[in-house]
Amino acid sequence: MKSSSKTNDHDDFNGPSTAHTHKQAMEVGSWRHDSPGVLSWEPMEAISPQLDYEGRELPERHEIVDGVLVKKASPSGPHSGVQWALAVRLDSYRGPPGKSLHGGWWFGTEIDVQLALGQRYVPDLAGWRLESFEPSELQVFSGIPCHLRPDWVCEVLSPSTASRDLGTKKRNYHLAGVGHYWVLAPEQRTLTVLRRTDSGYQEILQAGAADKVHAEPFGEVELDMSELFALLP
């Protein structure tokens, strides 16, 4: 039979004071009961960087994912080689239409991008359709972070961060409206191409090391995967 009387010492406390609630509004964390009726604030250190780094550079090789400051793997030789090889193969899309073979895109490597509050990523490669913003908005690329959502993102998987790239970041890229998400896996020698739908990303292509493919949104260029992964050990 349940009793209506208090069942533990926590019932001696009726709630945080005004000072406590003000502190809670400014920080993220949890209240800890040190003794009956006595609280202390235990901040969640991982979440505060969203506020600490607002408008400033992040520590080198870091991102903010779901409000948590996390380390981005330092690129190995194979990782950076594949990243650069893909960028070179897409170069014909860079610049205004008519100024290059295909044109219509602006690309960047490891640009600090603010997708939403608590979501500040540094994708290995990202692309913006020039038609999706006005010329006056080009200045957003000079700011830190960039607040213009990419139309295409490619992440090159590293063993230490693969689960995040395929899980949390993939989900948040979708929520932010990133239309195309590519995943390059050097260890598996695969390229996975994903297209955004309302319910999630749809896999439309997976290519192996021996394949030659045309992958959206850059379908005019043939990607020879053997060349992309040529220098891998």
Foldseek 3Di string as FASTA:
>chain_A
DDDPDDDDLQVQADDDDPVVVVVCVVFAFDWDDPDRHDIDTDGPVQQVVLVVQVQHDDPPQWWFFQSGIDGHDDDDPLQVLLLVLVCVLLVQQDDPPPPGDGHQKHKDAQAFEDLDRRGTGRFRMFMAGPVVDDPVLVCLSVTPHRHDQTQETEHEDDPVCNCCVVPRVQVSNLVSPRAKYWYQYLVQLKIWIWGHDPVGTDTDDIDHQQDWAQGPPRRVGIDRSVVSNVPPD
